């Protein structure tokens, strides 16, 4: 049981910690991703703006040199010194390269609508398999109406290297933040799950019958309200159980002080309850009598040694009425005890049989007195018959003596009740 409580608390804790850690990981990953993308974009924009300024300076130098018929190679060579510039080209209005840092590019054409439109733009471009930025800076040189441009290839290598460094640093910070988030999640999860675990432990304690268990939770939220409701419910349950026990004790006191035996039989015909008078009369202990089939103690034994009643017939007879009769109980020592027996059915609200209440009083002494009265009456009747016979014989003898005296001429000696005349004694 203790292990089960730990398992429940640990399960909630693990789930909550896992959820908080997962949420932290997702949040940190999103934040780092957004931050890296923004930082990468900022570095690209700074790189592009820097090279735009460089291109503008070079364009003014080229335009000034064009006026004096001299290319500003010094300025163009400075462009080559930049690590971020892969190449530079000067393209005429026919999109043909006629000046470049790499002589091999002379005479090659490039296709770009931006050059024809004379716009200063930066577009994505692929150069030798590498993604770069292609900057187009219009030049005010050449014939009127003809657009020429300075084109520069801007490498993003520095941005990628800086981004990779930020990624490495971000991953380090990511693990630090996740570890910190795990620690905070564990602390917060323990704080959140402790009240729930206390409620679970309280529920288990109540299920074990520990009704004095009190859940003390002070969180100031709904869980504290739930704990208070739980404690109130436990107190009500405890009061209800105590009231039921008091009522049961009162009933037991009443039944145990009854002179008559009180036995409750279940629907299956087995004894489920009995009072002290039943134990004393039958000689069984409570452990022996409770659960015993009722027909083992009810009615006289038959020839096979079994019970003297048929429970189904008895139930049908008892249905809907109270059955009263005289029968016998069979004690543990085999004695048959005459009892005045009555029974009634107990049903639930739906009319289903719950049990049978049997009340019986020992009528052994009454039977003895009745037998003594019958015996005395018989003896009295016999004595009366003998006395009457003797009296009749005496009357006959007196009559005979009186008759003899009359024959001898003497007066009758005995006066017999009912004799009106001594003539009655004459022969």
Protein backbone atom coordinates (compact mmCIF):
# COMPACT_ATOMS: atom_id res chain seq x y z
CA UNK A 1 0.00 0.00 0.00
CA UNK A 2 2.84 2.35 0.88
CA UNK A 3 4.54 1.53 -2.41
CA UNK A 4 1.27 2.21 -4.22
CA UNK A 5 1.07 5.68 -2.65
CA UNK A 6 4.63 6.41 -3.70
CA UNK A 7 3.86 5.19 -7.20
CA UNK A 8 0.85 7.48 -7.49
CA UNK A 9 2.71 10.53 -6.23
CA UNK A 10 5.74 9.70 -8.36
CA UNK A 11 3.58 9.22 -11.45
CA UNK A 12 1.98 12.65 -11.11
CA UNK A 13 5.35 14.22 -10.34
CA UNK A 14 7.06 12.59 -13.34
CA UNK A 15 4.26 13.59 -15.70
CA UNK A 16 4.23 17.17 -14.48
CA UNK A 17 8.03 17.48 -14.57
CA UNK A 18 8.14 15.93 -18.04
CA UNK A 19 5.46 18.33 -19.27
CA UNK A 20 7.25 21.36 -17.81
CA UNK A 21 10.61 20.23 -19.21
CA UNK A 22 9.09 19.60 -22.63
CA UNK A 23 7.44 23.01 -22.54
CA UNK A 24 10.74 24.58 -21.50
CA UNK A 25 12.62 22.81 -24.29
CA UNK A 26 10.11 23.88 -26.91
CA UNK A 27 10.04 27.45 -25.59
CA UNK A 28 13.83 27.76 -25.42
CA UNK A 29 14.22 26.17 -28.86
CA UNK A 30 11.73 28.59 -30.38
CA UNK A 31 13.32 31.57 -28.64
CA UNK A 32 16.84 30.56 -29.72
CA UNK A 33 15.72 29.86 -33.28
CA UNK A 34 13.98 33.22 -33.56
CA UNK A 35 16.91 35.01 -31.93
CA UNK A 36 19.44 33.32 -34.23
CA UNK A 37 17.40 34.13 -37.32
CA UNK A 38 17.01 37.73 -36.24
CA UNK A 39 20.70 38.03 -35.42
CA UNK A 40 21.62 36.44 -38.73
CA UNK A 41 19.34 38.86 -40.55
CA UNK A 42 20.86 41.79 -38.69
CA UNK A 43 24.39 40.69 -39.59
CA UNK A 44 23.39 40.23 -43.24
CA UNK A 45 21.75 43.65 -43.29
CA UNK A 46 24.80 45.27 -41.66
CA UNK A 47 27.09 43.52 -44.14
CA UNK A 48 24.96 44.60 -47.07
CA UNK A 49 24.68 48.22 -45.83
CA UNK A 50 28.43 48.37 -45.33
CA UNK A 51 29.09 47.13 -48.84
CA UNK A 52 26.41 49.42 -50.24
CA UNK A 53 28.36 52.35 -48.85
CA UNK A 54 31.53 50.88 -50.27
CA UNK A 55 29.86 50.46 -53.67
CA UNK A 56 28.57 54.06 -53.55
CA UNK A 57 32.07 55.37 -52.81
CA UNK A 58 33.53 53.25 -55.63
CA UNK A 59 30.76 54.41 -58.00
CA UNK A 60 31.56 58.08 -57.31
CA UNK A 61 35.26 57.37 -57.89
CA UNK A 62 34.49 55.57 -61.15
CA UNK A 63 32.21 58.38 -62.32
CA UNK A 64 34.85 60.98 -61.44
CA UNK A 65 37.57 59.02 -63.21
CA UNK A 66 35.36 58.63 -66.25
CA UNK A 67 35.21 62.40 -66.59
CA UNK A 68 39.00 62.64 -66.64
CA UNK A 69 39.29 59.44 -68.65
CA UNK A 70 41.06 57.52 -65.84
CA UNK A 71 39.81 54.41 -63.99
CA UNK A 72 40.16 54.60 -60.22
CA UNK A 73 42.11 51.38 -59.93
CA UNK A 74 43.32 52.40 -56.51
CA UNK A 75 39.76 52.45 -55.25
CA UNK A 76 38.91 49.26 -57.08
CA UNK A 77 41.93 47.52 -55.60
CA UNK A 78 40.72 48.51 -52.15
CA UNK A 79 37.52 46.61 -52.92
CA UNK A 80 39.61 43.50 -53.50
CA UNK A 81 41.12 43.78 -50.05
CA UNK A 82 37.73 43.25 -48.40
CA UNK A 83 37.24 39.66 -47.25
CA UNK A 84 33.51 39.92 -47.88
CA UNK A 85 33.86 40.90 -51.58
CA UNK A 86 34.28 37.89 -53.86
CA UNK A 87 34.44 39.89 -57.10
CA UNK A 88 33.60 43.17 -58.77
CA UNK A 89 32.52 43.76 -62.35
CA UNK A 90 31.77 46.81 -64.44
CA UNK A 91 28.98 46.01 -66.86
CA UNK A 92 27.93 48.11 -69.84
CA UNK A 93 24.42 48.69 -71.05
CA UNK A 94 24.58 45.49 -73.08
CA UNK A 95 25.10 43.54 -69.83
CA UNK A 96 28.65 42.73 -70.94
CA UNK A 97 31.51 42.76 -68.49
CA UNK A 98 34.26 45.02 -69.77
CA UNK A 99 36.21 45.54 -66.55
CA UNK A 100 36.66 43.09 -63.64
CA UNK A 101 39.01 42.03 -60.90
CA UNK A 102 39.42 38.75 -62.81
CA UNK A 103 40.48 39.27 -66.43
CA UNK A 104 38.88 35.97 -67.37
CA UNK A 105 35.45 37.59 -66.92
CA UNK A 106 36.07 40.18 -69.65
CA UNK A 107 33.52 39.97 -72.43
CA UNK A 108 31.09 37.72 -70.55
CA UNK A 109 27.48 38.69 -70.35
CA UNK A 110 25.21 38.51 -67.41
CA UNK A 111 21.41 38.57 -67.37
CA UNK A 112 19.76 40.94 -64.94
CA UNK A 113 16.71 43.04 -65.46
CA UNK A 114 17.86 45.27 -62.61
CA UNK A 115 20.85 46.45 -64.69
CA UNK A 116 18.61 47.38 -67.58
CA UNK A 117 16.28 49.21 -65.23
CA UNK A 118 19.15 51.15 -63.65
CA UNK A 119 18.14 50.21 -60.10
CA UNK A 120 20.42 49.86 -57.07
CA UNK A 121 19.52 46.49 -55.64
CA UNK A 122 20.90 43.51 -53.73
CA UNK A 123 19.65 40.09 -54.88
CA UNK A 124 20.41 36.46 -54.09
CA UNK A 125 22.98 34.91 -56.36
CA UNK A 126 24.89 31.64 -56.71
CA UNK A 127 28.60 31.95 -57.42
CA UNK A 128 30.78 28.82 -57.73
CA UNK A 129 28.15 26.84 -55.86
CA UNK A 130 27.97 29.31 -52.99
CA UNK A 131 24.94 31.39 -52.05
CA UNK A 132 25.93 35.05 -52.03
CA UNK A 133 24.44 38.51 -52.32
CA UNK A 134 24.75 40.24 -55.68
CA UNK A 135 24.92 44.06 -55.41
CA UNK A 136 24.15 46.23 -58.44
CA UNK A 137 25.25 49.90 -58.23
CA UNK A 138 24.19 52.01 -61.30
CA UNK A 139 26.93 54.23 -62.86
CA UNK A 140 26.29 57.56 -64.54
CA UNK A 141 28.86 57.03 -67.30
CA UNK A 142 28.73 56.25 -70.97
CA UNK A 143 26.30 57.52 -73.52
CA UNK A 144 23.11 59.18 -72.39
CA UNK A 145 20.28 56.66 -72.05
CA UNK A 146 22.73 53.82 -71.76
CA UNK A 147 22.94 52.30 -68.21
CA UNK A 148 26.13 50.84 -66.87
CA UNK A 149 26.64 49.36 -63.42
CA UNK A 150 29.18 48.28 -60.83
CA UNK A 151 28.39 44.71 -59.72
CA UNK A 152 29.83 43.25 -56.56
CA UNK A 153 29.60 39.74 -55.16
CA UNK A 154 29.19 39.81 -51.38
CA UNK A 155 30.17 36.63 -49.53
CA UNK A 156 28.05 35.51 -46.59
CA UNK A 157 30.86 33.38 -45.16
CA UNK A 158 31.44 35.71 -42.23
CA UNK A 159 27.73 35.69 -41.48
CA UNK A 160 27.62 31.90 -41.59
CA UNK A 161 30.68 31.59 -39.38
CA UNK A 162 29.22 34.05 -36.90
CA UNK A 163 25.92 32.18 -37.06
CA UNK A 164 27.63 28.85 -36.41
CA UNK A 165 29.40 30.36 -33.41
CA UNK A 166 26.08 31.66 -32.14
CA UNK A 167 24.54 28.25 -32.68
CA UNK A 168 27.29 26.59 -30.65
CA UNK A 169 26.95 29.22 -27.95
CA UNK A 170 23.15 28.97 -28.13
CA UNK A 171 23.27 25.19 -27.74
CA UNK A 172 25.43 25.63 -24.66
CA UNK A 173 23.03 28.16 -23.25
CA UNK A 174 20.18 25.87 -24.32
CA UNK A 175 21.45 22.98 -22.19
CA UNK A 176 22.14 25.33 -19.28
CA UNK A 177 18.64 26.78 -19.53
CA UNK A 178 17.10 23.30 -19.89
CA UNK A 179 19.01 22.07 -16.83
CA UNK A 180 17.86 25.11 -14.89
CA UNK A 181 14.33 24.57 -16.19
CA UNK A 182 14.49 20.93 -15.07
CA UNK A 183 15.51 22.01 -11.59
CA UNK A 184 12.80 24.68 -11.40
CA UNK A 185 10.26 22.24 -12.88
CA UNK A 186 11.13 19.63 -10.28
CA UNK A 187 10.80 22.15 -7.44
CA UNK A 188 7.52 23.54 -8.77
CA UNK A 189 6.18 20.08 -9.59
CA UNK A 190 6.92 18.87 -6.06
CA UNK A 191 5.17 21.93 -4.71
CA UNK A 192 2.15 21.32 -6.93
CA UNK A 193 1.95 17.54 -6.45
CA UNK A 194 2.57 17.48 -2.69
CA UNK A 195 -1.04 18.56 -1.89
CA UNK A 196 -2.40 16.03 -4.38
CA UNK A 197 -0.24 13.31 -2.83
CA UNK A 198 -1.50 14.30 0.61
CA UNK A 199 -5.08 13.97 -0.63
CA UNK A 200 -4.31 10.54 -2.11
CA UNK A 201 -2.71 9.42 1.17
CA UNK A 202 -5.72 10.77 3.06
CA UNK A 203 -8.07 8.81 0.81
CA UNK A 204 -6.06 5.63 1.37
CA UNK A 205 -6.06 6.22 5.15
CA UNK A 206 -9.84 6.66 5.15
CA UNK A 207 -10.24 3.48 3.09
CA UNK A 208 -8.27 1.66 5.83
CA UNK A 209 -10.72 2.96 8.41
CA UNK A 210 -8.45 5.68 9.87
CA UNK A 211 -11.25 8.20 10.23
CA UNK A 212 -9.16 10.46 12.50
CA UNK A 213 -6.79 11.20 9.62
CA UNK A 214 -6.68 14.94 8.84
CA UNK A 215 -5.34 16.42 5.60
CA UNK A 216 -3.51 19.69 6.35
CA UNK A 217 -3.02 21.66 3.12
CA UNK A 218 -2.35 25.40 3.10
CA UNK A 219 -1.95 26.46 -0.52
CA UNK A 220 -4.49 29.26 -0.63
CA UNK A 221 -6.10 27.91 -3.78
CA UNK A 222 -8.73 25.42 -4.94
CA UNK A 223 -6.69 22.47 -3.64
CA UNK A 224 -6.90 23.85 -0.10
CA UNK A 225 -10.67 24.18 -0.56
CA UNK A 226 -10.78 20.59 -1.78
CA UNK A 227 -8.82 19.45 1.28
CA UNK A 228 -11.21 21.30 3.60
CA UNK A 229 -14.18 19.68 1.86
CA UNK A 230 -12.44 16.31 2.18
CA UNK A 231 -11.92 16.79 5.94
CA UNK A 232 -15.54 17.87 6.36
CA UNK A 233 -16.71 14.80 4.44
CA UNK A 234 -14.54 12.53 6.61
CA UNK A 235 -16.01 14.04 9.78
CA UNK A 236 -19.52 13.48 8.47
CA UNK A 237 -18.71 9.91 7.56
CA UNK A 238 -17.16 9.38 11.00
CA UNK A 239 -20.26 10.83 12.69
CA UNK A 240 -22.55 8.68 10.55
CA UNK A 241 -20.53 5.55 11.36
CA UNK A 242 -20.52 6.38 15.07
CA UNK A 243 -24.28 6.95 14.98
CA UNK A 244 -24.74 3.64 13.19
CA UNK A 245 -22.51 1.87 15.71
CA UNK A 246 -24.45 3.43 18.59
CA UNK A 247 -27.73 2.33 17.04
CA UNK A 248 -26.31 -1.15 16.44
CA UNK A 249 -25.08 -1.36 20.04
CA UNK A 250 -28.51 -0.29 21.27
CA UNK A 251 -30.18 -2.94 19.14
CA UNK A 252 -27.68 -5.54 20.36
CA UNK A 253 -28.31 -4.55 23.96
CA UNK A 254 -32.03 -4.90 23.41
CA UNK A 255 -31.73 -8.26 21.67
CA UNK A 256 -29.18 -9.56 24.18
CA UNK A 257 -31.42 -8.68 27.10
CA UNK A 258 -34.37 -10.46 25.51
CA UNK A 259 -35.52 -13.65 27.22
CA UNK A 260 -36.57 -15.14 23.90
CA UNK A 261 -34.09 -16.21 21.30
CA UNK A 262 -33.67 -13.86 18.33
CA UNK A 263 -32.23 -15.29 15.12
CA UNK A 264 -31.96 -13.66 11.66
CA UNK A 265 -31.80 -16.06 8.71
CA UNK A 266 -30.48 -14.94 5.31
CA UNK A 267 -32.15 -15.65 1.96
CA UNK A 268 -29.80 -18.62 1.53
CA UNK A 269 -31.13 -20.24 4.69
CA UNK A 270 -28.05 -19.58 6.80
CA UNK A 271 -27.98 -17.80 10.15
CA UNK A 272 -26.57 -14.29 9.88
CA UNK A 273 -27.34 -12.89 13.35
CA UNK A 274 -28.40 -14.14 16.77
CA UNK A 275 -28.68 -12.84 20.31
CA UNK A 276 -27.13 -14.07 23.53
CA UNK A 277 -30.25 -15.99 24.53
CA UNK A 278 -29.91 -18.10 21.37
CA UNK A 279 -26.27 -18.94 22.14
CA UNK A 280 -27.11 -19.84 25.74
CA UNK A 281 -30.14 -21.95 24.82
CA UNK A 282 -28.53 -23.89 21.97
CA UNK A 283 -25.06 -24.21 23.48
CA UNK A 284 -23.26 -22.88 20.39
CA UNK A 285 -20.66 -20.12 20.34
CA UNK A 286 -21.16 -17.13 18.08
CA UNK A 287 -18.50 -18.38 15.67
CA UNK A 288 -20.24 -21.78 15.46
CA UNK A 289 -23.82 -20.57 15.09
CA UNK A 290 -23.33 -17.68 12.63
CA UNK A 291 -23.25 -19.12 9.12
CA UNK A 292 -24.84 -22.43 10.10
CA UNK A 293 -27.82 -23.62 8.00
CA UNK A 294 -30.97 -22.84 9.99
CA UNK A 295 -32.52 -26.24 9.34
CA UNK A 296 -29.74 -27.81 11.43
CA UNK A 297 -31.25 -26.36 14.59
CA UNK A 298 -34.92 -26.13 13.57
CA UNK A 299 -37.48 -28.91 14.06
CA UNK A 300 -37.17 -32.50 15.29
CA UNK A 301 -34.78 -34.91 13.65
CA UNK A 302 -36.19 -37.20 11.01
CA UNK A 303 -35.31 -40.81 10.58
CA UNK A 304 -32.26 -40.01 8.49
CA UNK A 305 -30.96 -37.68 11.18
CA UNK A 306 -31.53 -34.49 9.17
CA UNK A 307 -33.60 -31.41 9.88
CA UNK A 308 -37.30 -31.51 10.43
CA UNK A 309 -38.31 -28.58 8.17
CA UNK A 310 -38.23 -27.78 4.50
CA UNK A 311 -36.95 -24.22 4.19
CA UNK A 312 -38.64 -23.44 0.85
CA UNK A 313 -42.06 -24.48 2.18
CA UNK A 314 -41.40 -22.56 5.35
CA UNK A 315 -40.51 -19.41 3.35
CA UNK A 316 -43.67 -19.70 1.27
CA UNK A 317 -45.69 -20.10 4.43
CA UNK A 318 -44.03 -17.07 6.01
CA UNK A 319 -44.39 -14.83 2.92
CA UNK A 320 -46.60 -11.82 3.56
CA UNK A 321 -47.47 -12.79 7.14
CA UNK A 322 -46.10 -13.63 10.55
CA UNK A 323 -45.86 -17.36 11.26
CA UNK A 324 -46.49 -18.53 14.85
CA UNK A 325 -46.35 -22.14 15.97
CA UNK A 326 -44.83 -24.55 18.44
CA UNK A 327 -41.83 -26.53 17.32
CA UNK A 328 -38.46 -27.58 18.65
CA UNK A 329 -34.89 -26.32 18.48
CA UNK A 330 -32.02 -28.81 18.41
CA UNK A 331 -29.20 -27.91 20.78
CA UNK A 332 -25.53 -28.65 20.22
CA UNK A 333 -25.68 -31.59 22.65
CA UNK A 334 -28.57 -33.14 20.69
CA UNK A 335 -31.38 -32.10 23.05
CA UNK A 336 -34.67 -31.13 21.45
CA UNK A 337 -35.96 -27.99 23.12
CA UNK A 338 -39.65 -27.15 22.70
CA UNK A 339 -40.16 -23.51 21.73
CA UNK A 340 -42.98 -21.16 20.88
CA UNK A 341 -41.81 -20.01 17.46
CA UNK A 342 -42.77 -17.02 15.27
CA UNK A 343 -41.14 -15.63 12.14
CA UNK A 344 -41.57 -12.76 9.72
CA UNK A 345 -39.92 -11.74 6.45
CA UNK A 346 -37.63 -8.74 5.96
CA UNK A 347 -37.66 -7.15 2.50
CA UNK A 348 -35.93 -4.15 0.95
CA UNK A 349 -37.57 -1.17 -0.76
CA UNK A 350 -37.99 -3.16 -3.96
CA UNK A 351 -39.68 -6.06 -2.21
CA UNK A 352 -36.73 -8.44 -2.45
CA UNK A 353 -36.12 -10.85 0.42
CA UNK A 354 -33.41 -9.65 2.80
CA UNK A 355 -33.85 -12.09 5.63
CA UNK A 356 -36.19 -13.83 8.07
CA UNK A 357 -36.55 -12.73 11.67
CA UNK A 358 -37.18 -15.68 13.99
CA UNK A 359 -38.35 -15.24 17.56
CA UNK A 360 -38.64 -18.27 19.85
CA UNK A 361 -39.28 -18.78 23.55
CA UNK A 362 -38.30 -21.87 25.56
CA UNK A 363 -41.51 -23.59 26.69
CA UNK A 364 -39.84 -26.53 28.43
CA UNK A 365 -41.09 -25.50 31.88
CA UNK A 366 -44.57 -24.88 30.53
CA UNK A 367 -44.60 -28.30 28.95
CA UNK A 368 -43.49 -29.82 32.27
CA UNK A 369 -46.24 -28.02 34.18
CA UNK A 370 -48.84 -29.06 31.60
CA UNK A 371 -47.64 -32.67 31.90
CA UNK A 372 -47.79 -32.50 35.69
CA UNK A 373 -51.35 -31.10 35.52
CA UNK A 374 -52.41 -33.87 33.15
CA UNK A 375 -50.84 -36.49 35.42
CA UNK A 376 -52.45 -35.05 38.57
CA UNK A 377 -55.81 -34.83 36.83
CA UNK A 378 -55.56 -38.46 35.77
CA UNK A 379 -54.62 -39.55 39.30
CA UNK A 380 -57.45 -37.49 40.76
CA UNK A 381 -59.93 -39.00 38.37
CA UNK A 382 -58.72 -42.48 39.27
CA UNK A 383 -58.97 -41.73 42.98
CA UNK A 384 -62.45 -40.32 42.53
CA UNK A 385 -63.52 -43.43 40.71
CA UNK A 386 -62.14 -45.61 43.52
CA UNK A 387 -63.86 -43.48 46.19
CA UNK A 388 -67.20 -43.62 44.42
CA UNK A 389 -66.95 -47.38 44.02
CA UNK A 390 -66.13 -47.75 47.74
CA UNK A 391 -69.06 -45.51 48.72
CA UNK A 392 -71.45 -47.47 46.55
CA UNK A 393 -70.27 -50.72 48.10
CA UNK A 394 -70.73 -49.29 51.63
CA UNK A 395 -74.26 -48.13 50.81
CA UNK A 396 -75.08 -51.58 49.48
CA UNK A 397 -73.65 -53.20 52.65
CA UNK A 398 -75.62 -50.83 54.91
CA UNK A 399 -78.76 -51.60 52.99
CA UNK A 400 -78.14 -55.30 53.44
CA UNK A 401 -77.59 -54.93 57.21
CA UNK A 402 -80.67 -52.74 57.58
CA UNK A 403 -82.65 -55.34 55.66
CA UNK A 404 -81.50 -58.17 57.96
CA UNK A 405 -82.39 -56.10 61.05
CA UNK A 406 -85.83 -55.43 59.69
CA UNK A 407 -86.33 -59.18 59.11
CA UNK A 408 -85.35 -59.79 62.73
CA UNK A 409 -87.90 -57.24 63.84
CA UNK A 410 -85.39 -54.66 64.88
CA UNK A 411 -84.97 -51.08 63.82
CA UNK A 412 -82.60 -50.32 60.94
CA UNK A 413 -79.22 -49.32 62.24
CA UNK A 414 -78.07 -47.06 59.39
CA UNK A 415 -79.80 -44.08 57.97
CA UNK A 416 -79.22 -43.97 54.27
CA UNK A 417 -79.53 -40.66 52.42
CA UNK A 418 -82.46 -40.84 50.04
CA UNK A 419 -84.29 -43.53 51.91
CA UNK A 420 -87.80 -42.24 52.74
CA UNK A 421 -89.32 -45.34 54.26
CA UNK A 422 -87.86 -48.34 56.07
CA UNK A 423 -90.04 -50.42 53.90
CA UNK A 424 -87.54 -50.00 51.27
CA UNK A 425 -85.32 -52.34 53.27
CA UNK A 426 -87.82 -55.16 53.40
CA UNK A 427 -86.94 -58.19 51.45
